[in-house]
Amino acid sequence: MKDSNCIFCKLANGDIPTNSIYEDDMFNVILDNGPATKGHCLILPKDHYENLFELPDETAAEAIKLAKKLATRLKDKLSADGINLVQNNGSAAGQTVNHFHLHIIPRYENDGQHILWKPTEPSSEELKNLCENLK
């Protein structure tokens, strides 16, 4: 299933030219046009899923397997010092295109990027209550 109004459906399915580094029946992996670092790419399912919550479990599993394969390739070929996998769901989490996609971002010492968060300091009681609530 594709969404004819979705830019990522069009990119994943070759309707719009891309710099594709990998393609199979389920996914197209393209270089990001606004990369965080050299080699930053996106794993795009060819079928349309708005976010992780809509993604079938089997597709999610294949996306992670592909991410591992490509992360290894990027690390080796680009001499990256590390790799970030980033996947956002909902605007509050930074999702700007409503088509599931997984960023693979090679990281280099002193690359100037900051994909981090400011740790909070919950009390032991807050953590205990949260833990009980999430079980």
C-alpha atoms as a PDB file:
ATOM      1  CA  MET A   1       0.000   0.000   0.000  1.00  0.00           C
ATOM      2  CA  LYS A   2       1.340   3.369  -1.044  1.00  0.00           C
ATOM      3  CA  ASP A   3       0.152   6.905  -0.345  1.00  0.00           C
ATOM      4  CA  SER A   4       0.176   8.940  -3.560  1.00  0.00           C
ATOM      5  CA  ASN A   5       0.528  12.152  -1.523  1.00  0.00           C
ATOM      6  CA  CYS A   6       3.541  10.943   0.502  1.00  0.00           C
ATOM      7  CA  ILE A   7       6.944  12.271  -0.558  1.00  0.00           C
ATOM      8  CA  PHE A   8       8.733   9.337   1.109  1.00  0.00           C
ATOM      9  CA  CYS A   9       6.519   6.816  -0.749  1.00  0.00           C
ATOM     10  CA  LYS A  10       7.594   8.533  -3.965  1.00  0.00           C
ATOM     11  CA  LEU A  11      11.274   8.464  -2.949  1.00  0.00           C
ATOM     12  CA  ALA A  12      11.156   4.843  -1.757  1.00  0.00           C
ATOM     13  CA  ASN A  13       9.493   3.629  -4.936  1.00  0.00           C
ATOM     14  CA  GLY A  14      11.635   5.495  -7.461  1.00  0.00           C
ATOM     15  CA  ASP A  15       9.012   8.041  -8.546  1.00  0.00           C
ATOM     16  CA  ILE A  16      11.495  10.759  -7.590  1.00  0.00           C
ATOM     17  CA  PRO A  17      15.220  10.258  -8.279  1.00  0.00           C
ATOM     18  CA  THR A  18      17.373   9.620  -5.199  1.00  0.00           C
ATOM     19  CA  ASN A  19      20.901   8.697  -4.247  1.00  0.00           C
ATOM     20  CA  SER A  20      20.000   5.130  -3.341  1.00  0.00           C
ATOM     21  CA  ILE A  21      22.692   2.995  -1.700  1.00  0.00           C
ATOM     22  CA  TYR A  22      20.563  -0.145  -1.229  1.00  0.00           C
ATOM     23  CA  GLU A  23      17.238  -1.474  -2.467  1.00  0.00           C
ATOM     24  CA  ASP A  24      15.239  -4.678  -2.108  1.00  0.00           C
ATOM     25  CA  ASP A  25      11.548  -5.630  -2.337  1.00  0.00           C
ATOM     26  CA  MET A  26      10.667  -4.000   1.004  1.00  0.00           C
ATOM     27  CA  PHE A  27      13.019  -1.026   1.395  1.00  0.00           C
ATOM     28  CA  ASN A  28      14.970   1.655  -0.373  1.00  0.00           C
ATOM     29  CA  VAL A  29      17.892   3.219   1.488  1.00  0.00           C
ATOM     30  CA  ILE A  30      18.780   6.708   0.317  1.00  0.00           C
ATOM     31  CA  LEU A  31      21.332   9.307   1.286  1.00  0.00           C
ATOM     32  CA  ASP A  32      19.686  12.124   3.243  1.00  0.00           C
ATOM     33  CA  ASN A  33      19.581  15.380   1.237  1.00  0.00           C
ATOM     34  CA  GLY A  34      20.235  17.366   4.436  1.00  0.00           C
ATOM     35  CA  PRO A  35      22.691  15.080   6.199  1.00  0.00           C
ATOM     36  CA  ALA A  36      23.820  15.477   9.791  1.00  0.00           C
ATOM     37  CA  THR A  37      27.145  13.917   8.772  1.00  0.00           C
ATOM     38  CA  LYS A  38      28.784  12.321   5.730  1.00  0.00           C
ATOM     39  CA  GLY A  39      26.925   9.103   4.905  1.00  0.00           C
ATOM     40  CA  HIS A  40      23.686   9.941   6.775  1.00  0.00           C
ATOM     41  CA  CYS A  41      21.019   7.796   5.140  1.00  0.00           C
ATOM     42  CA  LEU A  42      17.360   6.855   5.546  1.00  0.00           C
ATOM     43  CA  ILE A  43      15.795   3.409   5.492  1.00  0.00           C
ATOM     44  CA  LEU A  44      12.422   3.879   3.774  1.00  0.00           C
ATOM     45  CA  PRO A  45       9.828   1.109   3.561  1.00  0.00           C
ATOM     46  CA  LYS A  46       8.291   0.973   0.102  1.00  0.00           C
ATOM     47  CA  ASP A  47       4.848   0.542   1.667  1.00  0.00           C
ATOM     48  CA  HIS A  48       3.331   3.441   3.579  1.00  0.00           C
ATOM     49  CA  TYR A  49       3.260   3.301   7.371  1.00  0.00           C
ATOM     50  CA  GLU A  50       2.843   6.598   9.169  1.00  0.00           C
ATOM     51  CA  ASN A  51       5.046   5.663  12.135  1.00  0.00           C
ATOM     52  CA  LEU A  52       6.397   2.839  14.279  1.00  0.00           C
ATOM     53  CA  PHE A  53       2.954   2.153  15.738  1.00  0.00           C
ATOM     54  CA  GLU A  54       1.561   1.271  12.280  1.00  0.00           C
ATOM     55  CA  LEU A  55       4.611  -0.722  11.165  1.00  0.00           C
ATOM     56  CA  PRO A  56       4.030  -4.512  11.128  1.00  0.00           C
ATOM     57  CA  ASP A  57       6.337  -6.424  13.484  1.00  0.00           C
ATOM     58  CA  GLU A  58       7.891  -8.352  10.596  1.00  0.00           C
ATOM     59  CA  THR A  59       8.724  -5.127   8.750  1.00  0.00           C
ATOM     60  CA  ALA A  60      10.175  -3.594  11.914  1.00  0.00           C
ATOM     61  CA  ALA A  61      12.392  -6.655  12.387  1.00  0.00           C
ATOM     62  CA  GLU A  62      13.619  -6.460   8.791  1.00  0.00           C
ATOM     63  CA  ALA A  63      14.321  -2.720   9.165  1.00  0.00           C
ATOM     64  CA  ILE A  64      16.578  -3.374  12.172  1.00  0.00           C
ATOM     65  CA  LYS A  65      18.407  -6.184  10.370  1.00  0.00           C
ATOM     66  CA  LEU A  66      18.965  -3.861   7.428  1.00  0.00           C
ATOM     67  CA  ALA A  67      20.093  -1.049   9.753  1.00  0.00           C
ATOM     68  CA  LYS A  68      22.736  -3.344  11.251  1.00  0.00           C
ATOM     69  CA  LYS A  69      23.983  -4.368   7.800  1.00  0.00           C
ATOM     70  CA  LEU A  70      24.183  -0.771   6.571  1.00  0.00           C
ATOM     71  CA  ALA A  71      25.643   0.592   9.806  1.00  0.00           C
ATOM     72  CA  THR A  72      28.466  -1.916   9.462  1.00  0.00           C
ATOM     73  CA  ARG A  73      29.019  -0.918   5.828  1.00  0.00           C
ATOM     74  CA  LEU A  74      29.040   2.811   6.661  1.00  0.00           C
ATOM     75  CA  LYS A  75      31.399   2.329   9.611  1.00  0.00           C
ATOM     76  CA  ASP A  76      33.834   0.330   7.491  1.00  0.00           C
ATOM     77  CA  LYS A  77      33.722   2.336   4.258  1.00  0.00           C
ATOM     78  CA  LEU A  78      33.626   5.803   5.839  1.00  0.00           C
ATOM     79  CA  SER A  79      35.826   5.070   8.875  1.00  0.00           C
ATOM     80  CA  ALA A  80      33.072   6.311  11.177  1.00  0.00           C
ATOM     81  CA  ASP A  81      33.860   6.332  14.883  1.00  0.00           C
ATOM     82  CA  GLY A  82      30.272   5.432  15.801  1.00  0.00           C
ATOM     83  CA  ILE A  83      26.712   5.198  14.490  1.00  0.00           C
ATOM     84  CA  ASN A  84      23.405   6.686  15.636  1.00  0.00           C
ATOM     85  CA  LEU A  85      20.108   5.039  14.720  1.00  0.00           C
ATOM     86  CA  VAL A  86      17.343   7.633  15.056  1.00  0.00           C
ATOM     87  CA  GLN A  87      13.633   7.015  14.591  1.00  0.00           C
ATOM     88  CA  ASN A  88      11.056   9.692  15.535  1.00  0.00           C
ATOM     89  CA  ASN A  89       7.310   9.176  16.051  1.00  0.00           C
ATOM     90  CA  GLY A  90       4.964  12.159  16.251  1.00  0.00           C
ATOM     91  CA  SER A  91       5.717  15.841  15.978  1.00  0.00           C
ATOM     92  CA  ALA A  92       6.578  16.089  19.691  1.00  0.00           C
ATOM     93  CA  ALA A  93       9.382  13.602  19.014  1.00  0.00           C
ATOM     94  CA  GLY A  94      10.656  15.449  15.957  1.00  0.00           C
ATOM     95  CA  GLN A  95       8.911  13.499  13.163  1.00  0.00           C
ATOM     96  CA  THR A  96       8.506  15.850  10.196  1.00  0.00           C
ATOM     97  CA  VAL A  97       7.446  13.374   7.485  1.00  0.00           C
ATOM     98  CA  ASN A  98       4.590  11.020   8.336  1.00  0.00           C
ATOM     99  CA  HIS A  99       6.137   7.920   6.767  1.00  0.00           C
ATOM    100  CA  PHE A 100       8.141   5.568   8.993  1.00  0.00           C
ATOM    101  CA  HIS A 101      11.846   6.003   8.358  1.00  0.00           C
ATOM    102  CA  LEU A 102      15.003   5.116  10.209  1.00  0.00           C
ATOM    103  CA  HIS A 103      18.025   7.411  10.118  1.00  0.00           C
ATOM    104  CA  ILE A 104      21.480   5.829  10.088  1.00  0.00           C
ATOM    105  CA  ILE A 105      23.937   8.564  11.024  1.00  0.00           C
ATOM    106  CA  PRO A 106      27.660   7.850  10.942  1.00  0.00           C
ATOM    107  CA  ARG A 107      29.420   9.707  13.726  1.00  0.00           C
ATOM    108  CA  TYR A 108      32.930  11.095  13.716  1.00  0.00           C
ATOM    109  CA  GLU A 109      34.987  12.432  16.603  1.00  0.00           C
ATOM    110  CA  ASN A 110      34.369  16.184  16.852  1.00  0.00           C
ATOM    111  CA  ASP A 111      31.717  16.188  14.087  1.00  0.00           C
ATOM    112  CA  GLY A 112      29.805  18.928  15.930  1.00  0.00           C
ATOM    113  CA  GLN A 113      26.513  17.017  16.036  1.00  0.00           C
ATOM    114  CA  HIS A 114      24.576  16.534  19.270  1.00  0.00           C
ATOM    115  CA  ILE A 115      22.000  13.762  19.302  1.00  0.00           C
ATOM    116  CA  LEU A 116      21.676  13.777  23.064  1.00  0.00           C
ATOM    117  CA  TRP A 117      19.297  14.807  25.829  1.00  0.00           C
ATOM    118  CA  LYS A 118      19.605  16.489  29.186  1.00  0.00           C
ATOM    119  CA  PRO A 119      19.194  13.827  31.907  1.00  0.00           C
ATOM    120  CA  THR A 120      16.600  14.518  34.588  1.00  0.00           C
ATOM    121  CA  GLU A 121      16.841  13.461  38.234  1.00  0.00           C
ATOM    122  CA  PRO A 122      13.716  11.551  39.285  1.00  0.00           C
ATOM    123  CA  SER A 123      13.514  10.385  42.893  1.00  0.00           C
ATOM    124  CA  SER A 124      13.772   6.709  43.762  1.00  0.00           C
ATOM    125  CA  GLU A 125      10.077   6.769  44.608  1.00  0.00           C
ATOM    126  CA  GLU A 126       9.158   8.266  41.206  1.00  0.00           C
ATOM    127  CA  LEU A 127      11.174   5.577  39.437  1.00  0.00           C
ATOM    128  CA  LYS A 128       9.603   2.831  41.548  1.00  0.00           C
ATOM    129  CA  ASN A 129       6.070   4.108  40.833  1.00  0.00           C
ATOM    130  CA  LEU A 130       6.811   4.430  37.128  1.00  0.00           C
ATOM    131  CA  CYS A 131       8.260   0.939  37.048  1.00  0.00           C
ATOM    132  CA  GLU A 132       5.113  -0.494  38.656  1.00  0.00           C
ATOM    133  CA  ASN A 133       2.889   1.441  36.261  1.00  0.00           C
ATOM    134  CA  LEU A 134       4.760   0.154  33.193  1.00  0.00           C
ATOM    135  CA  LYS A 135       4.692  -3.544  34.134  1.00  0.00           C
END
